[in-house]
Structure formats: structure tokens, C-alpha cells
Amino acid sequence: MKKKVIFGKNSFVDPSNVFEGNVIIGEDNYIGPNNIIKNTVIGNHNHIEFSYIEDSKIGNHNSIGPFSHIRNHSIIHDYTRIGNYVEIKNSELFDKVKCAHLTYLGDCSVFEETNIGCGVITANYNGKTKEKTIIGKNCFIGCNSVLIAPITIGDNCFIAANSVINKSLDNDSFAIERNNLTIKHNRESK
């Protein structure tokens, strides 16, 4: 398989990186150490380090890593933050999305200025088919929430931490889903 790597001017690319297939890196990027980048187009003014990016498109002014995994036809637009241990698969993140750590976004679209909390999962596979999650603009998805696809979250929604959401939300909705805590005392004696 032929490999073609193109570097734009004023981009720093650490020599420890591994490139496979066709890779295009735009101008004024910082491509720090230990990335693996395959068949990907990267725009301008990005900061990427210690990450794996495959078959995707990265826009401009993004911060990616460390230890991010972007794969299978994902599109990251501009001014987006993708942090530690975030996996993105077959998804599109629009401008100014923040997804800072420990998250899985599969088969979804996340629109502008939405914040995805730590530990959020889009449950995209029902055992037979992959389903889509759509998250609107200016949403807040609380830590450890699970969005069960197919589902659409409207604009300006707030989902409280540790919620399991299996119904679509209209614009400007607040959603909280938690079961009551049950504590059984003297467990060993029973």
C-alpha cells in the first residue's frame, strides 16, 4: 500500500509519530509525540498528542489528546476539545464541542457548544444494528450518563449526571433519571 504524507508549513511534527496511508497535515499544527495517524486530513492550528486517529477529518483550532481514539469516518469541526481516553467512532462533532475525558461517542452527531461530561456513553448497538444519537446545540450532558440510541436530544438541554436517557428530549429540556438508593445492612449475617 502506497503511503503519502503531506505536511503544511510551520507545523511541528514530532519524529516519534507513525503515519499510514494518506495523511494531510495543514499549517501551524503541533503534532506532538507518539500519535498514530492513518488516512486522515488534519486542518490548521491543531494541537494533537499521544492519540490514534484513523479514517477521519480534523478541522481547525482543535485540541486532541492525550490518549484519544478517533476512528471510522469521524469528522471533528473547529475549536473542539477531545481529551484523555475519549473514543469517537463514525461521528461528527461540530464547532466548540467539549469532550474532555473518559467518554465513548459512537454513531452520533454533536452540535455546537455542547459539553459532554466524563464517562458519557452513547449506547449505539442493540445487538443487531447500530443506531444514531443526535445531540443538539448548547447542551450539557452530565457525567456518567448513558444515551440509548436511537435518540435525539434537542438544543439547550441539560441532562443530570448519572442519568440513563432512552427517550428523545425537546429543546430546552432538563432530564434526570436516577433510581432510589437501597442499602441493606448486616449483609454478612443474612
Protein backbone atom coordinates (compact mmCIF):
# COMPACT_ATOMS: atom_id res chain seq x y z
CA MET A 1 0.00 0.00 0.00
CA LYS A 2 1.43 3.37 -1.00
CA LYS A 3 1.86 5.97 1.68
CA LYS A 4 1.54 9.68 1.03
CA VAL A 5 2.09 12.20 3.84
CA ILE A 6 1.87 15.95 3.21
CA PHE A 7 2.94 18.49 5.83
CA GLY A 8 1.81 22.14 5.72
CA LYS A 9 4.17 24.98 6.54
CA ASN A 10 5.05 25.86 10.12
CA SER A 11 3.68 22.58 11.51
CA PHE A 12 5.73 20.83 14.17
CA VAL A 13 5.57 17.05 13.78
CA ASP A 14 7.40 15.00 16.39
CA PRO A 15 9.56 12.26 14.81
CA SER A 16 8.03 9.56 17.05
CA ASN A 17 4.73 9.70 15.13
CA VAL A 18 3.59 6.87 12.86
CA PHE A 19 1.76 7.70 9.62
CA GLU A 20 -0.04 5.12 7.50
CA GLY A 21 -1.90 5.51 4.21
CA ASN A 22 -2.64 9.04 3.01
CA VAL A 23 -2.25 11.76 5.62
CA ILE A 24 -2.52 15.50 5.01
CA ILE A 25 -1.49 17.90 7.79
CA GLY A 26 -2.26 21.58 7.31
CA GLU A 27 -0.42 24.66 8.56
CA ASP A 28 0.67 25.76 12.03
CA ASN A 29 -0.14 22.46 13.77
CA TYR A 30 1.55 20.90 16.76
CA ILE A 31 1.57 17.14 16.22
CA GLY A 32 3.24 16.06 19.44
CA PRO A 33 4.76 12.71 20.32
CA ASN A 34 3.50 9.18 19.88
CA ASN A 35 0.49 9.62 17.61
CA ILE A 36 -0.63 7.02 15.09
CA ILE A 37 -2.42 8.73 12.20
CA LYS A 38 -3.92 6.77 9.28
CA ASN A 39 -5.77 8.03 6.20
CA THR A 40 -6.69 11.35 7.82
CA VAL A 41 -6.89 15.00 6.83
CA ILE A 42 -5.91 17.50 9.54
CA GLY A 43 -6.64 21.21 9.08
CA ASN A 44 -4.72 24.15 10.59
CA HIS A 45 -3.76 25.27 14.11
CA ASN A 46 -4.44 21.95 15.87
CA HIS A 47 -2.73 20.52 18.94
CA ILE A 48 -2.60 16.71 18.88
CA GLU A 49 -0.62 14.38 21.11
CA PHE A 50 -0.47 10.72 22.18
CA SER A 51 -3.55 9.81 20.11
CA TYR A 52 -4.78 7.39 17.47
CA ILE A 53 -6.65 8.89 14.52
CA GLU A 54 -7.89 6.78 11.62
CA ASP A 55 -10.02 7.42 8.51
CA SER A 56 -11.21 10.80 9.79
CA LYS A 57 -11.18 14.53 9.14
CA ILE A 58 -10.00 17.08 11.69
CA GLY A 59 -10.85 20.76 11.16
CA ASN A 60 -9.05 23.79 12.63
CA HIS A 61 -8.05 25.00 16.11
CA ASN A 62 -8.78 21.69 17.87
CA SER A 63 -7.11 20.17 20.91
CA ILE A 64 -6.92 16.38 20.79
CA GLY A 65 -5.36 14.08 23.37
CA PRO A 66 -3.56 12.76 25.15
CA PHE A 67 -4.79 9.21 24.61
CA SER A 68 -7.76 9.97 22.36
CA HIS A 69 -9.02 7.47 19.78
CA ILE A 70 -10.80 8.87 16.72
CA ARG A 71 -11.81 6.32 14.10
CA ASN A 72 -14.06 5.18 11.26
CA HIS A 73 -15.17 8.22 9.32
CA SER A 74 -15.40 10.74 12.14
CA ILE A 75 -15.45 14.46 11.44
CA ILE A 76 -14.23 16.95 14.02
CA HIS A 77 -15.05 20.53 13.05
CA ASP A 78 -13.38 23.59 14.65
CA TYR A 79 -12.42 24.76 18.17
CA THR A 80 -13.27 21.39 19.69
CA ARG A 81 -11.65 19.74 22.73
CA ILE A 82 -11.23 15.96 22.77
CA GLY A 83 -9.33 14.81 25.82
CA ASN A 84 -7.98 11.84 27.72
CA TYR A 85 -9.41 8.41 26.91
CA VAL A 86 -12.17 9.67 24.63
CA GLU A 87 -13.17 7.33 21.80
CA ILE A 88 -15.11 8.67 18.84
CA LYS A 89 -16.42 6.38 16.11
CA ASN A 90 -18.35 7.27 12.96
CA SER A 91 -19.45 10.57 14.49
CA GLU A 92 -19.48 14.28 13.73
CA LEU A 93 -18.62 16.90 16.35
CA PHE A 94 -19.41 20.47 15.34
CA ASP A 95 -17.71 23.70 16.49
CA LYS A 96 -16.77 24.27 20.14
CA VAL A 97 -17.81 20.86 21.45
CA LYS A 98 -16.03 19.84 24.65
CA CYS A 99 -15.46 16.19 25.42
CA ALA A 100 -12.63 16.23 27.90
CA HIS A 101 -12.25 12.68 29.23
CA LEU A 102 -13.33 9.05 29.57
CA THR A 103 -16.16 9.04 27.01
CA TYR A 104 -17.45 6.92 24.12
CA LEU A 105 -19.30 8.66 21.28
CA GLY A 106 -20.32 6.18 18.61
CA ASP A 107 -22.58 6.84 15.62
CA CYS A 108 -23.62 10.29 16.74
CA SER A 109 -23.78 13.96 15.81
CA VAL A 110 -22.97 16.54 18.48
CA PHE A 111 -23.82 20.12 17.57
CA GLU A 112 -22.18 23.42 18.50
CA GLU A 113 -21.09 24.41 22.02
CA THR A 114 -22.21 21.21 23.70
CA ASN A 115 -20.35 19.88 26.74
CA ILE A 116 -20.04 16.11 27.14
CA GLY A 117 -19.21 15.12 30.72
CA CYS A 118 -16.79 12.48 31.97
CA GLY A 119 -17.89 8.89 31.43
CA VAL A 120 -20.71 9.58 28.97
CA ILE A 121 -21.64 6.73 26.62
CA THR A 122 -23.79 6.72 23.52
CA ALA A 123 -25.15 3.19 23.54
CA ASN A 124 -25.31 2.72 19.80
CA TYR A 125 -25.57 -1.05 19.38
CA ASN A 126 -28.68 -3.06 20.28
CA GLY A 127 -27.17 -6.45 19.47
CA LYS A 128 -28.29 -6.42 15.83
CA THR A 129 -27.93 -2.90 14.39
CA LYS A 130 -26.05 0.33 15.06
CA GLU A 131 -28.35 3.25 15.88
CA LYS A 132 -27.77 7.03 15.79
CA THR A 133 -27.68 9.60 18.60
CA ILE A 134 -28.20 13.28 17.80
CA ILE A 135 -27.30 15.90 20.42
CA GLY A 136 -28.33 19.50 19.73
CA LYS A 137 -26.59 22.83 20.27
CA ASN A 138 -25.55 24.21 23.65
CA CYS A 139 -26.36 21.07 25.64
CA PHE A 140 -24.84 19.82 28.87
CA ILE A 141 -24.58 16.05 29.19
CA GLY A 142 -23.72 15.21 32.81
CA CYS A 143 -21.04 12.77 33.95
CA ASN A 144 -21.69 9.03 33.64
CA SER A 145 -24.85 9.46 31.58
CA VAL A 146 -25.88 6.87 29.00
CA LEU A 147 -27.81 7.91 25.90
CA ILE A 148 -29.54 4.87 24.40
CA ALA A 149 -29.93 5.19 20.62
CA PRO A 150 -31.88 5.88 18.56
CA ILE A 151 -32.39 9.18 20.35
CA THR A 152 -32.43 12.92 19.64
CA ILE A 153 -31.54 15.48 22.29
CA GLY A 154 -32.82 18.94 21.34
CA ASP A 155 -30.96 22.24 21.67
CA ASN A 156 -30.22 23.78 25.10
CA CYS A 157 -30.89 20.57 27.03
CA PHE A 158 -29.41 19.67 30.41
CA ILE A 159 -29.00 16.03 31.40
CA ALA A 160 -28.13 15.48 35.05
CA ALA A 161 -25.18 13.28 35.97
CA ASN A 162 -25.66 9.52 36.11
CA SER A 163 -28.84 9.53 34.02
CA VAL A 164 -29.89 6.82 31.57
CA ILE A 165 -31.83 8.51 28.78
CA ASN A 166 -33.88 6.30 26.44
CA LYS A 167 -36.39 8.87 25.12
CA SER A 168 -35.77 11.88 22.89
CA LEU A 169 -35.81 15.34 24.51
CA ASP A 170 -37.38 18.50 23.10
CA ASN A 171 -35.42 21.77 23.03
CA ASP A 172 -34.79 23.40 26.43
CA SER A 173 -35.44 20.18 28.41
CA PHE A 174 -33.98 19.16 31.75
CA ALA A 175 -33.66 15.40 32.27
CA ILE A 176 -32.75 13.50 35.40
CA GLU A 177 -33.09 9.74 35.84
CA ARG A 178 -31.95 8.03 39.00
CA ASN A 179 -33.31 5.10 40.97
CA ASN A 180 -33.63 5.30 44.72
CA LEU A 181 -30.60 4.08 46.65
CA THR A 182 -31.28 0.90 48.58
CA ILE A 183 -28.91 -0.06 51.41
CA LYS A 184 -29.10 -3.48 53.08
CA HIS A 185 -27.41 -3.55 56.48
CA ASN A 186 -25.75 -6.57 58.13
CA ARG A 187 -25.26 -8.26 54.77
CA GLU A 188 -22.91 -10.94 56.12
CA SER A 189 -25.29 -12.14 58.78
CA LYS A 190 -28.03 -12.83 56.20
